[in-house]
Amino acid sequence: MPDISPDFSAPGTAGLTQILSWVLGISLMVTFLALVFCFVALAFKGFGNQGIQNAASKSVLWVAAGVTALGGISGIFQFLVGFDWGI
């Protein structure tokens, strides 16, 4: 049985791969920083502000779910296509 390998040499595929790499990388960093901010806000009790503490406690699970989903999507993208940062 011959090896089956996809051919990603269609016109525009390299540019699309690079743009998707940037989008996935930036969005994963932003959501991870939001998760860190939620944990810091909860650990320091909202820096003395009850509104920040309430917002962090309400959104920590949604942000964690976003980080998990983006991490999974990025892993699948890396496995199938590979990241192209353009550097």
C-alpha atoms as a PDB file:
ATOM      1  CA  MET A   1       0.000   0.000   0.000  1.00  0.00           C
ATOM      2  CA  PRO A   2       1.567   3.331  -1.028  1.00  0.00           C
ATOM      3  CA  ASP A   3       2.057   6.160   1.423  1.00  0.00           C
ATOM      4  CA  ILE A   4      -0.577   8.842   1.121  1.00  0.00           C
ATOM      5  CA  SER A   5       0.656  12.368   1.679  1.00  0.00           C
ATOM      6  CA  PRO A   6      -1.343  15.539   1.070  1.00  0.00           C
ATOM      7  CA  ASP A   7      -0.124  18.091  -1.435  1.00  0.00           C
ATOM      8  CA  PHE A   8      -0.404  21.636  -0.089  1.00  0.00           C
ATOM      9  CA  SER A   9       1.200  23.304  -3.105  1.00  0.00           C
ATOM     10  CA  ALA A  10      -1.961  24.939  -4.447  1.00  0.00           C
ATOM     11  CA  PRO A  11      -1.726  28.666  -5.216  1.00  0.00           C
ATOM     12  CA  GLY A  12      -2.324  30.749  -2.120  1.00  0.00           C
ATOM     13  CA  THR A  13      -1.915  27.895   0.327  1.00  0.00           C
ATOM     14  CA  ALA A  14       1.410  29.161   1.679  1.00  0.00           C
ATOM     15  CA  GLY A  15      -0.054  32.590   2.387  1.00  0.00           C
ATOM     16  CA  LEU A  16      -3.155  31.117   3.971  1.00  0.00           C
ATOM     17  CA  THR A  17      -1.029  28.840   6.151  1.00  0.00           C
ATOM     18  CA  GLN A  18       1.059  31.799   7.314  1.00  0.00           C
ATOM     19  CA  ILE A  19      -2.000  33.931   8.107  1.00  0.00           C
ATOM     20  CA  LEU A  20      -3.679  31.082   9.997  1.00  0.00           C
ATOM     21  CA  SER A  21      -0.442  30.484  11.915  1.00  0.00           C
ATOM     22  CA  TRP A  22      -0.377  34.112  13.006  1.00  0.00           C
ATOM     23  CA  VAL A  23      -4.051  34.112  13.972  1.00  0.00           C
ATOM     24  CA  LEU A  24      -3.775  30.897  15.986  1.00  0.00           C
ATOM     25  CA  GLY A  25      -0.564  32.006  17.697  1.00  0.00           C
ATOM     26  CA  ILE A  26      -1.804  35.463  18.635  1.00  0.00           C
ATOM     27  CA  SER A  27      -5.216  34.266  19.794  1.00  0.00           C
ATOM     28  CA  LEU A  28      -3.669  31.504  21.895  1.00  0.00           C
ATOM     29  CA  MET A  29      -1.313  34.006  23.564  1.00  0.00           C
ATOM     30  CA  VAL A  30      -4.132  36.475  24.236  1.00  0.00           C
ATOM     31  CA  THR A  31      -6.426  33.864  25.762  1.00  0.00           C
ATOM     32  CA  PHE A  32      -3.576  32.458  27.857  1.00  0.00           C
ATOM     33  CA  LEU A  33      -2.779  35.951  29.167  1.00  0.00           C
ATOM     34  CA  ALA A  34      -6.478  36.435  29.951  1.00  0.00           C
ATOM     35  CA  LEU A  35      -6.434  33.166  31.902  1.00  0.00           C
ATOM     36  CA  VAL A  36      -3.362  34.299  33.841  1.00  0.00           C
ATOM     37  CA  PHE A  37      -5.064  37.631  34.595  1.00  0.00           C
ATOM     38  CA  CYS A  38      -8.157  35.792  35.874  1.00  0.00           C
ATOM     39  CA  PHE A  39      -6.045  33.655  38.203  1.00  0.00           C
ATOM     40  CA  VAL A  40      -4.058  36.663  39.431  1.00  0.00           C
ATOM     41  CA  ALA A  41      -7.237  38.666  40.007  1.00  0.00           C
ATOM     42  CA  LEU A  42      -8.717  35.780  41.984  1.00  0.00           C
ATOM     43  CA  ALA A  43      -5.518  35.212  43.965  1.00  0.00           C
ATOM     44  CA  PHE A  44      -5.209  38.872  44.967  1.00  0.00           C
ATOM     45  CA  LYS A  45      -8.976  39.280  45.526  1.00  0.00           C
ATOM     46  CA  GLY A  46      -9.493  41.633  42.607  1.00  0.00           C
ATOM     47  CA  PHE A  47      -6.798  44.027  43.820  1.00  0.00           C
ATOM     48  CA  GLY A  48      -9.327  45.399  46.289  1.00  0.00           C
ATOM     49  CA  ASN A  49     -12.050  45.831  43.675  1.00  0.00           C
ATOM     50  CA  GLN A  50     -15.075  43.582  44.066  1.00  0.00           C
ATOM     51  CA  GLY A  51     -16.146  44.084  40.442  1.00  0.00           C
ATOM     52  CA  ILE A  52     -12.859  42.739  39.081  1.00  0.00           C
ATOM     53  CA  GLN A  53     -13.061  39.738  41.373  1.00  0.00           C
ATOM     54  CA  ASN A  54     -16.633  38.963  40.303  1.00  0.00           C
ATOM     55  CA  ALA A  55     -15.778  39.317  36.602  1.00  0.00           C
ATOM     56  CA  ALA A  56     -12.720  37.084  36.987  1.00  0.00           C
ATOM     57  CA  SER A  57     -14.645  34.401  38.857  1.00  0.00           C
ATOM     58  CA  LYS A  58     -17.420  34.394  36.246  1.00  0.00           C
ATOM     59  CA  SER A  59     -15.118  34.230  33.231  1.00  0.00           C
ATOM     60  CA  VAL A  60     -12.319  31.926  34.386  1.00  0.00           C
ATOM     61  CA  LEU A  61     -14.020  28.755  33.142  1.00  0.00           C
ATOM     62  CA  TRP A  62     -14.941  30.288  29.777  1.00  0.00           C
ATOM     63  CA  VAL A  63     -11.386  31.516  29.280  1.00  0.00           C
ATOM     64  CA  ALA A  64      -9.973  28.130  30.302  1.00  0.00           C
ATOM     65  CA  ALA A  65     -12.297  26.451  27.791  1.00  0.00           C
ATOM     66  CA  GLY A  66     -11.088  28.888  25.118  1.00  0.00           C
ATOM     67  CA  VAL A  67      -7.440  28.128  25.875  1.00  0.00           C
ATOM     68  CA  THR A  68      -8.169  24.404  25.717  1.00  0.00           C
ATOM     69  CA  ALA A  69     -10.052  24.689  22.418  1.00  0.00           C
ATOM     70  CA  LEU A  70      -7.412  26.896  20.795  1.00  0.00           C
ATOM     71  CA  GLY A  71      -4.663  24.587  22.032  1.00  0.00           C
ATOM     72  CA  GLY A  72      -6.402  21.619  20.461  1.00  0.00           C
ATOM     73  CA  ILE A  73      -7.003  23.439  17.186  1.00  0.00           C
ATOM     74  CA  SER A  74      -3.374  24.589  17.117  1.00  0.00           C
ATOM     75  CA  GLY A  75      -2.159  21.051  17.756  1.00  0.00           C
ATOM     76  CA  ILE A  76      -4.258  19.640  14.944  1.00  0.00           C
ATOM     77  CA  PHE A  77      -3.123  22.447  12.621  1.00  0.00           C
ATOM     78  CA  GLN A  78       0.528  21.791  13.492  1.00  0.00           C
ATOM     79  CA  PHE A  79       0.100  18.063  12.913  1.00  0.00           C
ATOM     80  CA  LEU A  80      -1.653  18.420   9.559  1.00  0.00           C
ATOM     81  CA  VAL A  81      -0.026  21.465   7.962  1.00  0.00           C
ATOM     82  CA  GLY A  82       2.715  22.829  10.212  1.00  0.00           C
ATOM     83  CA  PHE A  83       3.105  26.373  11.445  1.00  0.00           C
ATOM     84  CA  ASP A  84       4.639  29.005   9.211  1.00  0.00           C
ATOM     85  CA  TRP A  85       5.634  32.070  11.204  1.00  0.00           C
ATOM     86  CA  GLY A  86       7.307  33.765   8.237  1.00  0.00           C
ATOM     87  CA  ILE A  87      10.651  34.168  10.019  1.00  0.00           C
END
